[in-house]
Amino acid sequence: MDVFINILKSIMEEGLMYAIMALGIYITYSILDFPDLSVDGTMPLGAIVTGVLIIKGVNPWLCLLISFAVGMAAGAVTGLLHVKLKIRPLLCGILVYTALISVNLVILFVGNNGMSIASFFRKPTIFSTFLGSIIPETVGGIYIRTVLVSLILVIVCKILVDLYLKTKSGLLLRATGNNERYVTMLACDSGKVKILGLALGNGFAALSGSVIAQSKGSADQQMGVGMVVLGLASVIIGLSLFKKLTFMKATTMVILGSIVYKACLSAALALGLPTEYLKLLMAVIFTLALVLSNFLSSGKAKPKKAAGKAGM
């Protein structure tokens, strides 16, 4: 029983933390219809910036905002490459991701005395200060603080995304993803909308990296490997499995999709799958999610249409 509870706790912790990144990918992929591969670089960027800042004594809650800001800056670069230099979306993401590998390593080496891993196990984090210190650490002998803090952060992010999508800027973002020519006919600059959407998406990816780094007490470049696959799978699984629940908003579906995806990985590991096959399993689950999405859609509207749903 204790083993089951620990597995369930791990699924909720990781599923909620990665759900923040999935919300960002939902903005870029599902709403903006932009396959952004730079997430593999912006996610560890947020983690590494957070690690270095916490080592320097910066407030861990302030680190969340700083990570979001640097993630937005990196996402804006992706947008500028596409809008101003007319480079294809996939290539833009690859270029920014490649550049961020060096940027992340430089930040690590300069801010962490030449070490490739920023460790801050004994430093204050969001799970031990301010809101984290108010929430009970354990209930019935089970450590739940990480789950509750992550849940609160995910709910705040979800509410902010939902509120933004109801604004004029958010409506233009949806319209740009659906019909860019229509936005141009409205005398609006679709290029600026794309840049903003990519900035927001990568901001959430970096924010997710910051939260994950603080939960682990360390940060390094390898944290970003496979994050695009994880995020896209979470979005596709969520929008495919729960799209018939019309009372549920797409952002809620994406969060649940992240938890379901993590549950699949945890179940495989619990059944004895060697950890060296984990990335292969991630690719297989992503493939199955794509097949499921195509099967359920059957030629109907793309997942991004779910952006207009109302409900939870």
Protein backbone atom coordinates (compact mmCIF):
# COMPACT_ATOMS: atom_id res chain seq x y z
CA MET A 1 0.00 0.00 0.00
CA ASP A 2 2.83 2.38 0.88
CA VAL A 3 4.47 1.64 -2.46
CA PHE A 4 1.24 2.50 -4.31
CA ILE A 5 0.87 5.76 -2.37
CA ASN A 6 4.45 6.76 -3.12
CA ILE A 7 3.98 6.04 -6.83
CA LEU A 8 0.74 8.04 -6.87
CA LYS A 9 2.45 10.94 -5.08
CA SER A 10 5.31 10.87 -7.57
CA ILE A 11 2.88 10.89 -10.50
CA MET A 12 1.02 13.89 -9.11
CA GLU A 13 4.21 15.81 -8.30
CA GLU A 14 5.85 15.37 -11.68
CA GLY A 15 2.59 15.52 -13.63
CA LEU A 16 1.66 18.89 -12.13
CA MET A 17 5.14 20.37 -12.55
CA TYR A 18 5.37 19.35 -16.20
CA ALA A 19 1.77 20.50 -16.73
CA ILE A 20 3.03 24.10 -16.51
CA MET A 21 5.26 23.44 -19.50
CA ALA A 22 2.39 21.65 -21.26
CA LEU A 23 0.28 24.80 -20.91
CA GLY A 24 3.00 26.71 -22.74
CA ILE A 25 3.18 24.12 -25.50
CA TYR A 26 -0.61 24.24 -25.73
CA ILE A 27 -0.32 27.94 -26.56
CA THR A 28 2.31 27.47 -29.26
CA TYR A 29 1.26 24.15 -30.77
CA SER A 30 -2.50 23.89 -30.32
CA ILE A 31 -3.55 27.55 -30.45
CA LEU A 32 -0.83 29.20 -32.53
CA ASP A 33 -0.22 26.08 -34.69
CA PHE A 34 3.55 26.55 -34.37
CA PRO A 35 5.73 23.43 -33.82
CA ASP A 36 8.25 24.98 -31.43
CA LEU A 37 11.30 22.82 -30.65
CA SER A 38 13.07 25.49 -28.61
CA VAL A 39 11.31 24.18 -25.48
CA ASP A 40 14.13 21.65 -25.04
CA GLY A 41 16.36 24.65 -24.43
CA THR A 42 14.08 27.06 -22.57
CA MET A 43 12.98 24.50 -19.98
CA PRO A 44 16.54 23.89 -18.69
CA LEU A 45 17.24 27.62 -19.11
CA GLY A 46 14.64 28.36 -16.44
CA ALA A 47 16.03 25.60 -14.24
CA ILE A 48 19.65 26.73 -14.56
CA VAL A 49 18.87 30.41 -14.03
CA THR A 50 16.92 29.45 -10.91
CA GLY A 51 19.71 27.23 -9.61
CA VAL A 52 22.39 29.89 -10.07
CA LEU A 53 20.22 32.63 -8.53
CA ILE A 54 19.29 30.53 -5.49
CA ILE A 55 22.97 29.72 -4.93
CA LYS A 56 23.60 33.48 -5.00
CA GLY A 57 20.91 33.99 -2.34
CA VAL A 58 18.01 35.29 -4.46
CA ASN A 59 14.49 34.71 -3.17
CA PRO A 60 13.19 31.44 -4.73
CA TRP A 61 9.76 32.95 -5.48
CA LEU A 62 11.42 35.82 -7.32
CA CYS A 63 13.37 33.19 -9.27
CA LEU A 64 10.06 31.95 -10.72
CA LEU A 65 9.34 35.36 -12.22
CA ILE A 66 12.90 35.79 -13.49
CA SER A 67 12.83 32.35 -15.11
CA PHE A 68 9.53 33.17 -16.79
CA ALA A 69 11.03 36.41 -18.11
CA VAL A 70 14.18 34.80 -19.55
CA GLY A 71 12.02 32.06 -21.09
CA MET A 72 9.88 34.72 -22.74
CA ALA A 73 13.01 36.39 -24.10
CA ALA A 74 14.19 33.12 -25.65
CA GLY A 75 10.74 32.47 -27.11
CA ALA A 76 10.68 35.97 -28.57
CA VAL A 77 13.96 35.20 -30.37
CA THR A 78 12.28 32.15 -31.94
CA GLY A 79 9.43 34.38 -33.06
CA LEU A 80 11.73 37.04 -34.47
CA LEU A 81 13.65 34.46 -36.50
CA HIS A 82 10.38 33.29 -38.02
CA VAL A 83 8.63 36.63 -38.49
CA LYS A 84 11.50 38.93 -39.41
CA LEU A 85 13.91 36.53 -41.13
CA LYS A 86 11.21 34.27 -42.65
CA ILE A 87 12.80 31.07 -41.33
CA ARG A 88 10.55 28.02 -41.10
CA PRO A 89 9.09 27.23 -37.65
CA LEU A 90 10.94 23.93 -37.17
CA LEU A 91 14.28 25.47 -38.10
CA CYS A 92 13.67 28.44 -35.79
CA GLY A 93 13.16 26.09 -32.86
CA ILE A 94 16.24 24.05 -33.73
CA LEU A 95 18.40 27.18 -34.04
CA VAL A 96 17.27 28.62 -30.71
CA TYR A 97 17.59 25.26 -28.94
CA THR A 98 21.11 24.81 -30.30
CA ALA A 99 22.10 28.31 -29.20
CA LEU A 100 20.59 27.79 -25.74
CA ILE A 101 22.78 24.73 -25.15
CA SER A 102 25.79 27.05 -25.10
CA VAL A 103 23.94 29.82 -23.27
CA ASN A 104 22.85 27.43 -20.52
CA LEU A 105 26.35 26.01 -20.11
CA VAL A 106 27.88 29.48 -19.94
CA ILE A 107 25.39 30.53 -17.26
CA LEU A 108 26.25 27.37 -15.31
CA PHE A 109 30.02 27.77 -15.58
CA VAL A 110 30.04 31.50 -14.84
CA GLY A 111 27.48 31.45 -12.04
CA ASN A 112 28.47 28.13 -10.46
CA ASN A 113 32.28 28.26 -10.27
CA GLY A 114 32.82 26.24 -13.45
CA MET A 115 30.62 23.30 -12.40
CA SER A 116 28.19 21.72 -14.89
CA ILE A 117 25.50 21.04 -12.28
CA ALA A 118 24.00 23.68 -9.99
CA SER A 119 23.25 22.01 -6.65
CA PHE A 120 21.36 23.85 -3.91
CA PHE A 121 19.91 21.08 -1.73
CA ARG A 122 20.22 23.03 1.52
CA LYS A 123 19.09 26.37 0.12
CA PRO A 124 15.56 27.80 0.58
CA THR A 125 13.08 26.95 -2.19
CA ILE A 126 9.42 27.65 -2.91
CA PHE A 127 8.65 24.44 -1.03
CA SER A 128 10.19 25.69 2.20
CA THR A 129 9.49 29.44 2.22
CA PHE A 130 6.44 31.74 2.19
CA LEU A 131 3.48 29.69 0.88
CA GLY A 132 5.48 26.48 1.10
CA SER A 133 6.14 26.99 4.79
CA ILE A 134 2.43 27.52 5.54
CA ILE A 135 1.24 24.29 3.91
CA PRO A 136 1.51 21.19 6.15
CA GLU A 137 4.58 19.15 5.31
CA THR A 138 3.02 15.73 5.92
CA VAL A 139 -0.45 14.25 6.39
CA GLY A 140 -0.72 10.79 7.88
CA GLY A 141 3.01 10.36 7.53
CA ILE A 142 2.89 11.12 3.79
CA TYR A 143 4.86 14.09 2.45
CA ILE A 144 2.37 16.20 0.49
CA ARG A 145 3.81 19.72 0.51
CA THR A 146 5.41 19.40 -2.95
CA VAL A 147 2.15 18.17 -4.47
CA LEU A 148 0.07 20.97 -2.92
CA VAL A 149 2.48 23.77 -3.84
CA SER A 150 2.71 22.43 -7.40
CA LEU A 151 -1.08 22.18 -7.59
CA ILE A 152 -1.49 25.80 -6.49
CA LEU A 153 1.06 26.98 -9.07
CA VAL A 154 -0.65 25.00 -11.84
CA ILE A 155 -4.07 26.39 -10.93
CA VAL A 156 -2.69 29.95 -10.94
CA CYS A 157 -1.06 29.39 -14.34
CA LYS A 158 -4.24 27.84 -15.75
CA ILE A 159 -6.39 30.74 -14.54
CA LEU A 160 -3.96 33.29 -15.99
CA VAL A 161 -3.92 31.50 -19.37
CA ASP A 162 -7.73 31.27 -19.42
CA LEU A 163 -8.07 34.96 -18.56
CA TYR A 164 -5.51 35.95 -21.19
CA LEU A 165 -7.28 33.98 -23.92
CA LYS A 166 -10.42 36.04 -23.23
CA THR A 167 -8.62 39.35 -23.82
CA LYS A 168 -8.30 41.07 -27.19
CA SER A 169 -4.69 39.91 -27.46
CA GLY A 170 -5.71 36.35 -26.64
CA LEU A 171 -8.48 36.38 -29.23
CA LEU A 172 -5.99 37.63 -31.83
CA LEU A 173 -3.68 34.78 -30.85
CA ARG A 174 -6.44 32.25 -31.50
CA ALA A 175 -7.35 33.94 -34.76
CA THR A 176 -3.74 33.92 -35.94
CA GLY A 177 -3.51 30.19 -35.37
CA ASN A 178 -6.79 29.56 -37.19
CA ASN A 179 -6.54 32.02 -40.06
CA GLU A 180 -3.56 34.35 -40.28
CA ARG A 181 -4.89 36.11 -43.38
CA TYR A 182 -8.07 37.07 -41.53
CA VAL A 183 -5.99 38.76 -38.82
CA THR A 184 -4.10 40.69 -41.50
CA MET A 185 -7.41 41.78 -43.03
CA LEU A 186 -8.32 43.23 -39.63
CA ALA A 187 -5.28 45.51 -39.95
CA CYS A 188 -3.52 43.67 -37.12
CA ASP A 189 0.10 42.57 -37.20
CA SER A 190 0.01 38.76 -37.06
CA GLY A 191 3.80 38.72 -36.72
CA LYS A 192 3.69 40.48 -33.37
CA VAL A 193 0.98 38.09 -32.23
CA LYS A 194 3.17 35.11 -33.11
CA ILE A 195 6.15 36.56 -31.26
CA LEU A 196 4.03 37.17 -28.18
CA GLY A 197 2.53 33.67 -28.32
CA LEU A 198 5.96 32.04 -28.62
CA ALA A 199 7.28 34.21 -25.81
CA LEU A 200 4.44 33.15 -23.51
CA GLY A 201 4.78 29.48 -24.42
CA ASN A 202 8.49 29.42 -23.69
CA GLY A 203 7.96 31.50 -20.57
CA PHE A 204 5.80 28.74 -19.13
CA ALA A 205 8.38 26.14 -20.19
CA ALA A 206 11.11 28.02 -18.29
CA LEU A 207 8.78 28.44 -15.31
CA SER A 208 8.22 24.70 -15.28
CA GLY A 209 11.98 24.18 -15.32
CA SER A 210 12.32 26.50 -12.34
CA VAL A 211 9.73 24.59 -10.29
CA ILE A 212 11.24 21.19 -11.19
CA ALA A 213 14.75 22.37 -10.33
CA GLN A 214 13.61 23.62 -6.93
CA SER A 215 11.87 20.32 -6.19
CA LYS A 216 15.05 18.36 -7.06
CA GLY A 217 17.51 20.81 -5.54
CA SER A 218 19.67 20.88 -8.66
CA ALA A 219 19.71 21.97 -12.30
CA ASP A 220 21.67 21.02 -15.42
CA GLN A 221 21.44 21.11 -19.20
CA GLN A 222 20.30 17.48 -19.51
CA MET A 223 16.97 18.32 -17.86
CA GLY A 224 15.65 19.55 -21.20
CA VAL A 225 16.19 16.36 -23.22
CA GLY A 226 12.87 15.08 -24.56
CA MET A 227 10.76 17.91 -23.14
CA VAL A 228 9.15 18.68 -26.50
CA VAL A 229 7.95 15.09 -26.77
CA LEU A 230 6.67 15.12 -23.20
CA GLY A 231 4.83 18.40 -23.61
CA LEU A 232 3.28 17.57 -26.98
CA ALA A 233 2.19 14.15 -25.73
CA SER A 234 0.54 15.76 -22.70
CA VAL A 235 -1.35 18.22 -24.92
CA ILE A 236 -2.46 15.60 -27.45
CA ILE A 237 -3.43 13.02 -24.83
CA GLY A 238 -5.40 15.57 -22.85
CA LEU A 239 -7.25 17.06 -25.82
CA SER A 240 -7.96 13.60 -27.26
CA LEU A 241 -9.12 11.76 -24.13
CA PHE A 242 -11.23 14.50 -22.60
CA LYS A 243 -12.53 16.45 -25.60
CA LYS A 244 -16.03 15.00 -25.24
CA LEU A 245 -16.31 16.55 -21.78
CA THR A 246 -17.73 19.82 -23.05
CA PHE A 247 -17.86 21.35 -19.57
CA MET A 248 -14.07 21.15 -19.30
CA LYS A 249 -11.72 23.81 -20.64
CA ALA A 250 -8.83 22.84 -22.88
CA THR A 251 -6.31 24.03 -20.29
CA THR A 252 -7.77 21.58 -17.77
CA MET A 253 -7.53 18.81 -20.36
CA VAL A 254 -3.85 19.59 -20.93
CA ILE A 255 -3.11 19.42 -17.19
CA LEU A 256 -4.88 16.07 -16.91
CA GLY A 257 -3.04 14.90 -20.03
CA SER A 258 0.29 15.63 -18.33
CA ILE A 259 -0.75 13.57 -15.29
CA VAL A 260 -1.96 10.68 -17.49
CA TYR A 261 1.30 10.73 -19.44
CA LYS A 262 3.37 10.63 -16.26
CA ALA A 263 1.15 7.82 -14.96
CA CYS A 264 1.94 5.75 -18.06
CA LEU A 265 5.68 6.25 -17.57
CA SER A 266 5.49 5.44 -13.85
CA ALA A 267 3.43 2.32 -14.49
CA ALA A 268 6.00 1.03 -16.97
CA LEU A 269 8.87 1.66 -14.54
CA ALA A 270 6.92 0.04 -11.70
CA LEU A 271 6.49 -3.06 -13.87
CA GLY A 272 10.25 -3.37 -14.18
CA LEU A 273 11.14 -1.46 -17.36
CA PRO A 274 14.86 -0.55 -17.23
CA THR A 275 15.42 3.20 -16.95
CA GLU A 276 17.62 3.23 -20.06
CA TYR A 277 14.46 2.55 -22.10
CA LEU A 278 12.60 5.54 -20.63
CA LYS A 279 13.15 7.88 -23.61
CA LEU A 280 12.12 5.09 -25.99
CA LEU A 281 8.94 4.63 -23.98
CA MET A 282 8.29 8.39 -24.14
CA ALA A 283 8.53 8.23 -27.95
CA VAL A 284 6.23 5.20 -28.09
CA ILE A 285 3.59 6.86 -25.89
CA PHE A 286 3.81 10.00 -28.02
CA THR A 287 3.30 7.93 -31.17
CA LEU A 288 0.28 6.22 -29.63
CA ALA A 289 -1.10 9.60 -28.61
CA LEU A 290 -0.81 10.84 -32.21
CA VAL A 291 -2.52 7.71 -33.52
CA LEU A 292 -5.27 8.05 -30.91
CA SER A 293 -5.75 11.71 -31.79
CA ASN A 294 -6.06 10.94 -35.50
CA PHE A 295 -8.42 8.06 -34.81
CA LEU A 296 -10.73 10.08 -32.57
CA SER A 297 -10.73 13.15 -34.78
CA SER A 298 -11.65 11.16 -37.92
CA GLY A 299 -11.17 14.19 -40.10
CA LYS A 300 -12.91 16.60 -37.72
CA ALA A 301 -11.52 19.80 -36.25
CA LYS A 302 -7.90 19.95 -35.08
CA PRO A 303 -7.15 19.93 -31.33
CA LYS A 304 -6.64 23.70 -31.37
CA LYS A 305 -10.38 24.18 -31.81
CA ALA A 306 -10.70 23.14 -28.20
CA ALA A 307 -9.26 26.51 -27.26
CA GLY A 308 -12.71 28.02 -27.42
CA LYS A 309 -14.36 25.60 -25.01
CA ALA A 310 -15.83 26.85 -21.77
CA GLY A 311 -16.17 25.21 -18.41
CA MET A 312 -13.84 24.18 -15.63
